[in-house]
Amino acid sequence: MTTSIAVPRPPYSIGVLPLLAALLMVFALGGASGYLVKAASVPAAAPSLAHAATACPASMHAEVWYTAHAWACVPDKNS
């Protein structure tokens, strides 16, 4: 006489755990990279944003990254 035993299956697939771990690492690296950019791009005496608009040549405009507290002069797209 054969007997069968039902083996319970986990509520999630085995591949879900590595996926969730990878997503968590990507989220942590993304958050840390914002702080790295901020630390690398902010000079000791950060210029004001009003100064950024007047510091660029005529064919350029100031591009501001508010989260990194940084700005740079970039060429106008139409010139």
PDB file of N, CA and C in Angstrom:
ATOM      1  N   MET A   1       0.844  -1.165   0.000  1.00  0.00           N
ATOM      2  CA  MET A   1       0.000   0.000   0.000  1.00  0.00           C
ATOM      3  C   MET A   1       0.900   1.242   0.000  1.00  0.00           C
ATOM      4  N   THR A   2       0.632   2.143  -0.906  1.00  0.00           N
ATOM      5  CA  THR A   2       1.415   3.367  -0.983  1.00  0.00           C
ATOM      6  C   THR A   2       0.714   4.507  -0.259  1.00  0.00           C
ATOM      7  N   THR A   3       1.506   5.266   0.399  1.00  0.00           N
ATOM      8  CA  THR A   3       0.957   6.435   1.095  1.00  0.00           C
ATOM      9  C   THR A   3       1.628   7.668   0.521  1.00  0.00           C
ATOM     10  N   SER A   4       0.854   8.675   0.351  1.00  0.00           N
ATOM     11  CA  SER A   4       1.414   9.931  -0.143  1.00  0.00           C
ATOM     12  C   SER A   4       1.290  10.999   0.934  1.00  0.00           C
ATOM     13  N   ILE A   5       2.348  11.753   1.048  1.00  0.00           N
ATOM     14  CA  ILE A   5       2.366  12.836   2.033  1.00  0.00           C
ATOM     15  C   ILE A   5       2.483  14.144   1.268  1.00  0.00           C
ATOM     16  N   ALA A   6       1.641  15.065   1.595  1.00  0.00           N
ATOM     17  CA  ALA A   6       1.677  16.379   0.952  1.00  0.00           C
ATOM     18  C   ALA A   6       2.763  17.225   1.606  1.00  0.00           C
ATOM     19  N   VAL A   7       3.726  17.641   0.804  1.00  0.00           N
ATOM     20  CA  VAL A   7       4.796  18.504   1.306  1.00  0.00           C
ATOM     21  C   VAL A   7       4.358  19.951   1.100  1.00  0.00           C
ATOM     22  N   PRO A   8       4.316  20.732   2.163  1.00  0.00           N
ATOM     23  CA  PRO A   8       3.879  22.131   2.011  1.00  0.00           C
ATOM     24  C   PRO A   8       4.892  22.944   1.210  1.00  0.00           C
ATOM     25  N   ARG A   9       4.396  23.747   0.319  1.00  0.00           N
ATOM     26  CA  ARG A   9       5.254  24.619  -0.489  1.00  0.00           C
ATOM     27  C   ARG A   9       5.375  25.969   0.199  1.00  0.00           C
ATOM     28  N   PRO A  10       6.533  26.606   0.067  1.00  0.00           N
ATOM     29  CA  PRO A  10       6.666  27.941   0.666  1.00  0.00           C
ATOM     30  C   PRO A  10       5.730  28.923  -0.043  1.00  0.00           C
ATOM     31  N   PRO A  11       5.298  29.961   0.642  1.00  0.00           N
ATOM     32  CA  PRO A  11       4.352  30.912   0.045  1.00  0.00           C
ATOM     33  C   PRO A  11       4.983  31.778  -1.048  1.00  0.00           C
ATOM     34  N   TYR A  12       6.288  31.691  -1.231  1.00  0.00           N
ATOM     35  CA  TYR A  12       6.972  32.487  -2.253  1.00  0.00           C
ATOM     36  C   TYR A  12       7.983  31.592  -2.966  1.00  0.00           C
ATOM     37  N   SER A  13       8.371  32.028  -4.111  1.00  0.00           N
ATOM     38  CA  SER A  13       9.350  31.294  -4.894  1.00  0.00           C
ATOM     39  C   SER A  13      10.740  31.501  -4.306  1.00  0.00           C
ATOM     40  N   ILE A  14      11.628  30.559  -4.523  1.00  0.00           N
ATOM     41  CA  ILE A  14      12.995  30.666  -4.016  1.00  0.00           C
ATOM     42  C   ILE A  14      13.724  31.843  -4.674  1.00  0.00           C
ATOM     43  N   GLY A  15      13.376  32.196  -5.907  1.00  0.00           N
ATOM     44  CA  GLY A  15      14.019  33.294  -6.608  1.00  0.00           C
ATOM     45  C   GLY A  15      13.619  34.671  -6.107  1.00  0.00           C
ATOM     46  N   VAL A  16      12.608  34.752  -5.262  1.00  0.00           N
ATOM     47  CA  VAL A  16      12.132  36.047  -4.772  1.00  0.00           C
ATOM     48  C   VAL A  16      13.124  36.649  -3.775  1.00  0.00           C
ATOM     49  N   LEU A  17      13.737  35.835  -2.943  1.00  0.00           N
ATOM     50  CA  LEU A  17      14.662  36.360  -1.932  1.00  0.00           C
ATOM     51  C   LEU A  17      15.883  37.038  -2.560  1.00  0.00           C
ATOM     52  N   PRO A  18      16.564  36.440  -3.547  1.00  0.00           N
ATOM     53  CA  PRO A  18      17.677  37.169  -4.173  1.00  0.00           C
ATOM     54  C   PRO A  18      17.214  38.443  -4.881  1.00  0.00           C
ATOM     55  N   LEU A  19      16.025  38.419  -5.450  1.00  0.00           N
ATOM     56  CA  LEU A  19      15.499  39.610  -6.110  1.00  0.00           C
ATOM     57  C   LEU A  19      15.268  40.728  -5.102  1.00  0.00           C
ATOM     58  N   LEU A  20      14.662  40.410  -3.978  1.00  0.00           N
ATOM     59  CA  LEU A  20      14.427  41.424  -2.949  1.00  0.00           C
ATOM     60  C   LEU A  20      15.747  41.935  -2.371  1.00  0.00           C
ATOM     61  N   ALA A  21      16.733  41.057  -2.198  1.00  0.00           N
ATOM     62  CA  ALA A  21      18.036  41.492  -1.700  1.00  0.00           C
ATOM     63  C   ALA A  21      18.713  42.424  -2.697  1.00  0.00           C
ATOM     64  N   ALA A  22      18.610  42.112  -3.995  1.00  0.00           N
ATOM     65  CA  ALA A  22      19.214  42.968  -5.018  1.00  0.00           C
ATOM     66  C   ALA A  22      18.523  44.328  -5.062  1.00  0.00           C
ATOM     67  N   LEU A  23      17.214  44.356  -4.960  1.00  0.00           N
ATOM     68  CA  LEU A  23      16.488  45.628  -4.956  1.00  0.00           C
ATOM     69  C   LEU A  23      16.857  46.472  -3.744  1.00  0.00           C
ATOM     70  N   LEU A  24      17.011  45.848  -2.612  1.00  0.00           N
ATOM     71  CA  LEU A  24      17.406  46.569  -1.403  1.00  0.00           C
ATOM     72  C   LEU A  24      18.802  47.159  -1.548  1.00  0.00           C
ATOM     73  N   MET A  25      19.723  46.389  -2.141  1.00  0.00           N
ATOM     74  CA  MET A  25      21.078  46.908  -2.350  1.00  0.00           C
ATOM     75  C   MET A  25      21.084  48.064  -3.342  1.00  0.00           C
ATOM     76  N   VAL A  26      20.300  47.966  -4.397  1.00  0.00           N
ATOM     77  CA  VAL A  26      20.240  49.047  -5.388  1.00  0.00           C
ATOM     78  C   VAL A  26      19.664  50.306  -4.751  1.00  0.00           C
ATOM     79  N   PHE A  27      18.646  50.155  -3.934  1.00  0.00           N
ATOM     80  CA  PHE A  27      18.049  51.299  -3.246  1.00  0.00           C
ATOM     81  C   PHE A  27      19.068  51.951  -2.308  1.00  0.00           C
ATOM     82  N   ALA A  28      19.820  51.140  -1.567  1.00  0.00           N
ATOM     83  CA  ALA A  28      20.824  51.677  -0.640  1.00  0.00           C
ATOM     84  C   ALA A  28      21.950  52.374  -1.402  1.00  0.00           C
ATOM     85  N   LEU A  29      22.405  51.786  -2.505  1.00  0.00           N
ATOM     86  CA  LEU A  29      23.459  52.413  -3.296  1.00  0.00           C
ATOM     87  C   LEU A  29      22.980  53.722  -3.926  1.00  0.00           C
ATOM     88  N   GLY A  30      21.732  53.762  -4.360  1.00  0.00           N
ATOM     89  CA  GLY A  30      21.184  54.987  -4.931  1.00  0.00           C
ATOM     90  C   GLY A  30      21.110  56.105  -3.903  1.00  0.00           C
ATOM     91  N   GLY A  31      20.698  55.766  -2.704  1.00  0.00           N
ATOM     92  CA  GLY A  31      20.641  56.767  -1.648  1.00  0.00           C
ATOM     93  C   GLY A  31      22.017  57.257  -1.249  1.00  0.00           C
ATOM     94  N   ALA A  32      22.969  56.341  -1.162  1.00  0.00           N
ATOM     95  CA  ALA A  32      24.336  56.718  -0.780  1.00  0.00           C
ATOM     96  C   ALA A  32      24.999  57.557  -1.864  1.00  0.00           C
ATOM     97  N   SER A  33      24.691  57.296  -3.123  1.00  0.00           N
ATOM     98  CA  SER A  33      25.337  58.049  -4.199  1.00  0.00           C
ATOM     99  C   SER A  33      24.930  59.520  -4.170  1.00  0.00           C
ATOM    100  N   GLY A  34      23.720  59.822  -3.736  1.00  0.00           N
ATOM    101  CA  GLY A  34      23.301  61.214  -3.612  1.00  0.00           C
ATOM    102  C   GLY A  34      24.153  61.965  -2.605  1.00  0.00           C
ATOM    103  N   TYR A  35      24.474  61.306  -1.502  1.00  0.00           N
ATOM    104  CA  TYR A  35      25.332  61.942  -0.506  1.00  0.00           C
ATOM    105  C   TYR A  35      26.763  62.080  -1.003  1.00  0.00           C
ATOM    106  N   LEU A  36      27.232  61.106  -1.800  1.00  0.00           N
ATOM    107  CA  LEU A  36      28.580  61.200  -2.347  1.00  0.00           C
ATOM    108  C   LEU A  36      28.701  62.363  -3.322  1.00  0.00           C
ATOM    109  N   VAL A  37      27.691  62.548  -4.174  1.00  0.00           N
ATOM    110  CA  VAL A  37      27.705  63.672  -5.115  1.00  0.00           C
ATOM    111  C   VAL A  37      27.669  64.984  -4.363  1.00  0.00           C
ATOM    112  N   LYS A  38      26.860  65.026  -3.339  1.00  0.00           N
ATOM    113  CA  LYS A  38      26.761  66.255  -2.549  1.00  0.00           C
ATOM    114  C   LYS A  38      28.099  66.579  -1.886  1.00  0.00           C
ATOM    115  N   ALA A  39      28.753  65.595  -1.331  1.00  0.00           N
ATOM    116  CA  ALA A  39      30.023  65.823  -0.649  1.00  0.00           C
ATOM    117  C   ALA A  39      31.126  66.195  -1.637  1.00  0.00           C
ATOM    118  N   ALA A  40      31.094  65.635  -2.833  1.00  0.00           N
ATOM    119  CA  ALA A  40      32.160  65.877  -3.801  1.00  0.00           C
ATOM    120  C   ALA A  40      31.977  67.184  -4.559  1.00  0.00           C
ATOM    121  N   SER A  41      30.754  67.677  -4.688  1.00  0.00           N
ATOM    122  CA  SER A  41      30.528  68.822  -5.560  1.00  0.00           C
ATOM    123  C   SER A  41      30.324  70.144  -4.831  1.00  0.00           C
ATOM    124  N   VAL A  42      30.154  70.140  -3.538  1.00  0.00           N
ATOM    125  CA  VAL A  42      29.919  71.393  -2.815  1.00  0.00           C
ATOM    126  C   VAL A  42      31.258  71.938  -2.328  1.00  0.00           C
ATOM    127  N   PRO A  43      31.674  73.100  -2.838  1.00  0.00           N
ATOM    128  CA  PRO A  43      32.924  73.692  -2.353  1.00  0.00           C
ATOM    129  C   PRO A  43      32.760  74.229  -0.939  1.00  0.00           C
ATOM    130  N   ALA A  44      33.864  74.627  -0.328  1.00  0.00           N
ATOM    131  CA  ALA A  44      33.828  75.101   1.058  1.00  0.00           C
ATOM    132  C   ALA A  44      32.904  76.309   1.193  1.00  0.00           C
ATOM    133  N   ALA A  45      32.988  77.248   0.267  1.00  0.00           N
ATOM    134  CA  ALA A  45      32.095  78.409   0.285  1.00  0.00           C
ATOM    135  C   ALA A  45      31.184  78.290  -0.936  1.00  0.00           C
ATOM    136  N   ALA A  46      30.048  77.670  -0.758  1.00  0.00           N
ATOM    137  CA  ALA A  46      29.135  77.432  -1.881  1.00  0.00           C
ATOM    138  C   ALA A  46      28.559  78.752  -2.372  1.00  0.00           C
ATOM    139  N   PRO A  47      28.640  79.009  -3.676  1.00  0.00           N
ATOM    140  CA  PRO A  47      28.082  80.251  -4.207  1.00  0.00           C
ATOM    141  C   PRO A  47      26.554  80.221  -4.158  1.00  0.00           C
ATOM    142  N   SER A  48      25.973  81.384  -4.107  1.00  0.00           N
ATOM    143  CA  SER A  48      24.519  81.445  -4.078  1.00  0.00           C
ATOM    144  C   SER A  48      23.965  81.156  -5.467  1.00  0.00           C
ATOM    145  N   LEU A  49      22.709  80.768  -5.533  1.00  0.00           N
ATOM    146  CA  LEU A  49      22.097  80.455  -6.823  1.00  0.00           C
ATOM    147  C   LEU A  49      21.895  81.713  -7.654  1.00  0.00           C
ATOM    148  N   ALA A  50      21.742  82.862  -7.018  1.00  0.00           N
ATOM    149  CA  ALA A  50      21.616  84.102  -7.775  1.00  0.00           C
ATOM    150  C   ALA A  50      22.935  84.406  -8.483  1.00  0.00           C
ATOM    151  N   HIS A  51      24.025  84.095  -7.855  1.00  0.00           N
ATOM    152  CA  HIS A  51      25.328  84.289  -8.478  1.00  0.00           C
ATOM    153  C   HIS A  51      25.520  83.320  -9.642  1.00  0.00           C
ATOM    154  N   ALA A  52      24.926  82.141  -9.564  1.00  0.00           N
ATOM    155  CA  ALA A  52      25.077  81.140 -10.619  1.00  0.00           C
ATOM    156  C   ALA A  52      24.500  81.636 -11.936  1.00  0.00           C
ATOM    157  N   ALA A  53      23.411  82.363 -11.897  1.00  0.00           N
ATOM    158  CA  ALA A  53      22.783  82.849 -13.126  1.00  0.00           C
ATOM    159  C   ALA A  53      23.627  83.921 -13.803  1.00  0.00           C
ATOM    160  N   THR A  54      24.340  84.714 -13.040  1.00  0.00           N
ATOM    161  CA  THR A  54      25.145  85.789 -13.630  1.00  0.00           C
ATOM    162  C   THR A  54      26.555  85.334 -13.963  1.00  0.00           C
ATOM    163  N   ALA A  55      26.975  84.178 -13.480  1.00  0.00           N
ATOM    164  CA  ALA A  55      28.342  83.725 -13.698  1.00  0.00           C
ATOM    165  C   ALA A  55      28.538  83.029 -15.038  1.00  0.00           C
ATOM    166  N   CYS A  56      27.481  82.682 -15.732  1.00  0.00           N
ATOM    167  CA  CYS A  56      27.599  81.946 -16.989  1.00  0.00           C
ATOM    168  C   CYS A  56      27.723  82.904 -18.173  1.00  0.00           C
ATOM    169  N   PRO A  57      28.485  82.517 -19.213  1.00  0.00           N
ATOM    170  CA  PRO A  57      28.591  83.336 -20.426  1.00  0.00           C
ATOM    171  C   PRO A  57      27.243  83.447 -21.147  1.00  0.00           C
ATOM    172  N   ALA A  58      27.207  84.276 -22.162  1.00  0.00           N
ATOM    173  CA  ALA A  58      25.943  84.555 -22.854  1.00  0.00           C
ATOM    174  C   ALA A  58      25.351  83.323 -23.532  1.00  0.00           C
ATOM    175  N   SER A  59      26.171  82.423 -24.049  1.00  0.00           N
ATOM    176  CA  SER A  59      25.634  81.260 -24.768  1.00  0.00           C
ATOM    177  C   SER A  59      25.391  80.064 -23.856  1.00  0.00           C
ATOM    178  N   MET A  60      25.449  80.292 -22.544  1.00  0.00           N
ATOM    179  CA  MET A  60      25.253  79.200 -21.591  1.00  0.00           C
ATOM    180  C   MET A  60      24.229  79.614 -20.539  1.00  0.00           C
ATOM    181  N   HIS A  61      23.723  78.624 -19.833  1.00  0.00           N
ATOM    182  CA  HIS A  61      22.809  78.912 -18.728  1.00  0.00           C
ATOM    183  C   HIS A  61      23.183  78.031 -17.539  1.00  0.00           C
ATOM    184  N   ALA A  62      22.745  78.450 -16.365  1.00  0.00           N
ATOM    185  CA  ALA A  62      23.056  77.697 -15.148  1.00  0.00           C
ATOM    186  C   ALA A  62      22.087  76.539 -15.011  1.00  0.00           C
ATOM    187  N   GLU A  63      22.635  75.357 -14.741  1.00  0.00           N
ATOM    188  CA  GLU A  63      21.816  74.186 -14.446  1.00  0.00           C
ATOM    189  C   GLU A  63      22.046  73.870 -12.975  1.00  0.00           C
ATOM    190  N   VAL A  64      20.957  73.753 -12.219  1.00  0.00           N
ATOM    191  CA  VAL A  64      21.055  73.621 -10.770  1.00  0.00           C
ATOM    192  C   VAL A  64      20.530  72.252 -10.350  1.00  0.00           C
ATOM    193  N   TRP A  65      21.296  71.561  -9.507  1.00  0.00           N
ATOM    194  CA  TRP A  65      20.865  70.312  -8.888  1.00  0.00           C
ATOM    195  C   TRP A  65      20.603  70.641  -7.423  1.00  0.00           C
ATOM    196  N   TYR A  66      19.341  70.827  -7.081  1.00  0.00           N
ATOM    197  CA  TYR A  66      18.985  71.280  -5.746  1.00  0.00           C
ATOM    198  C   TYR A  66      19.284  70.230  -4.688  1.00  0.00           C
ATOM    199  N   THR A  67      19.125  68.957  -5.021  1.00  0.00           N
ATOM    200  CA  THR A  67      19.380  67.925  -4.010  1.00  0.00           C
ATOM    201  C   THR A  67      20.860  67.821  -3.678  1.00  0.00           C
ATOM    202  N   ALA A  68      21.733  68.141  -4.628  1.00  0.00           N
ATOM    203  CA  ALA A  68      23.171  68.085  -4.380  1.00  0.00           C
ATOM    204  C   ALA A  68      23.730  69.449  -3.998  1.00  0.00           C
ATOM    205  N   HIS A  69      22.905  70.495  -4.018  1.00  0.00           N
ATOM    206  CA  HIS A  69      23.339  71.865  -3.734  1.00  0.00           C
ATOM    207  C   HIS A  69      24.517  72.248  -4.622  1.00  0.00           C
ATOM    208  N   ALA A  70      24.367  71.976  -5.905  1.00  0.00           N
ATOM    209  CA  ALA A  70      25.433  72.260  -6.859  1.00  0.00           C
ATOM    210  C   ALA A  70      24.838  72.864  -8.122  1.00  0.00           C
ATOM    211  N   TRP A  71      25.677  73.532  -8.895  1.00  0.00           N
ATOM    212  CA  TRP A  71      25.242  74.097 -10.172  1.00  0.00           C
ATOM    213  C   TRP A  71      26.420  74.102 -11.127  1.00  0.00           C
ATOM    214  N   ALA A  72      26.108  74.221 -12.410  1.00  0.00           N
ATOM    215  CA  ALA A  72      27.149  74.286 -13.434  1.00  0.00           C
ATOM    216  C   ALA A  72      26.605  75.044 -14.636  1.00  0.00           C
ATOM    217  N   CYS A  73      27.492  75.641 -15.405  1.00  0.00           N
ATOM    218  CA  CYS A  73      27.107  76.310 -16.652  1.00  0.00           C
ATOM    219  C   CYS A  73      27.073  75.267 -17.763  1.00  0.00           C
ATOM    220  N   VAL A  74      25.964  75.202 -18.476  1.00  0.00           N
ATOM    221  CA  VAL A  74      25.821  74.263 -19.589  1.00  0.00           C
ATOM    222  C   VAL A  74      25.418  75.042 -20.833  1.00  0.00           C
ATOM    223  N   PRO A  75      25.817  74.575 -22.023  1.00  0.00           N
ATOM    224  CA  PRO A  75      25.473  75.299 -23.243  1.00  0.00           C
ATOM    225  C   PRO A  75      23.969  75.285 -23.507  1.00  0.00           C
ATOM    226  N   ASP A  76      23.480  76.369 -24.107  1.00  0.00           N
ATOM    227  CA  ASP A  76      22.073  76.426 -24.499  1.00  0.00           C
ATOM    228  C   ASP A  76      21.828  75.413 -25.612  1.00  0.00           C
ATOM    229  N   LYS A  77      20.651  74.812 -25.636  1.00  0.00           N
ATOM    230  CA  LYS A  77      20.348  73.798 -26.648  1.00  0.00           C
ATOM    231  C   LYS A  77      20.102  74.396 -28.022  1.00  0.00           C
ATOM    232  N   ASN A  78      19.653  75.623 -28.079  1.00  0.00           N
ATOM    233  CA  ASN A  78      19.326  76.221 -29.374  1.00  0.00           C
ATOM    234  C   ASN A  78      20.481  76.985 -30.000  1.00  0.00           C
ATOM    235  N   SER A  79      21.661  76.974 -29.362  1.00  0.00           N
ATOM    236  CA  SER A  79      22.792  77.692 -29.965  1.00  0.00           C
ATOM    237  C   SER A  79      23.862  76.754 -30.464  1.00  0.00           C
TER     238      SER A  79
END
